[in-house]
Structure formats: C-alpha cells, structure tokens
Amino acid sequence: MRAPADLEEQFISERIRPAPEAIETFRMARGEPGLPRRFTWRNREYVVAKVIESWKELGPCSSGADEQYVRKHWLRIETACGEEMRIYCDRQAKPGSDPKARWWLYAIRRRPAEGPA
C-alpha cells in the first residue's frame, strides 16, 4: 500500500512497550492480541487515535504439516499526534529474546519537516 503523497515513511523495526492498563481486550475474544491504545517508543508515549487497517501474516507449521499458522498481527494506526504507524504483534517470541517483546513498530509515516522560512 502506498503512503499518502504528503507523508514520508521511515523504516524502524524497534520494540514498543504497551501500557498494560490501556490494552483493548475485546480483540482477544477473536484470538487476536489486545491492541495497546497507548504505548511507549524511544521514551515517548503515543496514543492510538484510530486503527486504519489490520491484517494477519501466515506461515507454515514448524513441524512440516500442511497447516498455516498466524505468525504476526499487523495494524496500520494513526496516533493522536497525527503520525501513521505500522505496528505488529509477533505471536511467538524469538529464541533467546525477551518473551515480553511481542509488539514492534515496523515503520512510521510523518509529514516532511518544514524548510527554513
């Protein structure tokens, strides 16, 4: 999906830290992770104003069977400060990593910085 012409996309791929008291739990009833309505990234708190789009990434069964399993839950969100972000929840923590490191900021779209006046 293409970014709106007035936004520049930056690849990030860094962990975000959801605020535990701000998890949207109704998604859990559908087998999805609870969406963090607030999270911290680089010591700054962000508030999710709107979910623009959501999708799932599938992958093969690790035992070699023919089944497909959900590996990641992706969301394109708009924050209260107007930035657009692509975040995802990794269904399984990577070997050797923090098991709580499940939510990641994949990319961010921001308005280009204004030049000198």
Foldseek 3Di string as FASTA:
>chain_A
DDDPPQKDKDFDWFFKAADVVQWQCPVVVVVDGTDRQWIDDPNDIWGFPFWPDKDFDWDADPVPDRDIDTQKIWTWTATPVGKTWIKIFGPADDPPDDRVRGITTGMIIDGDDDDDD
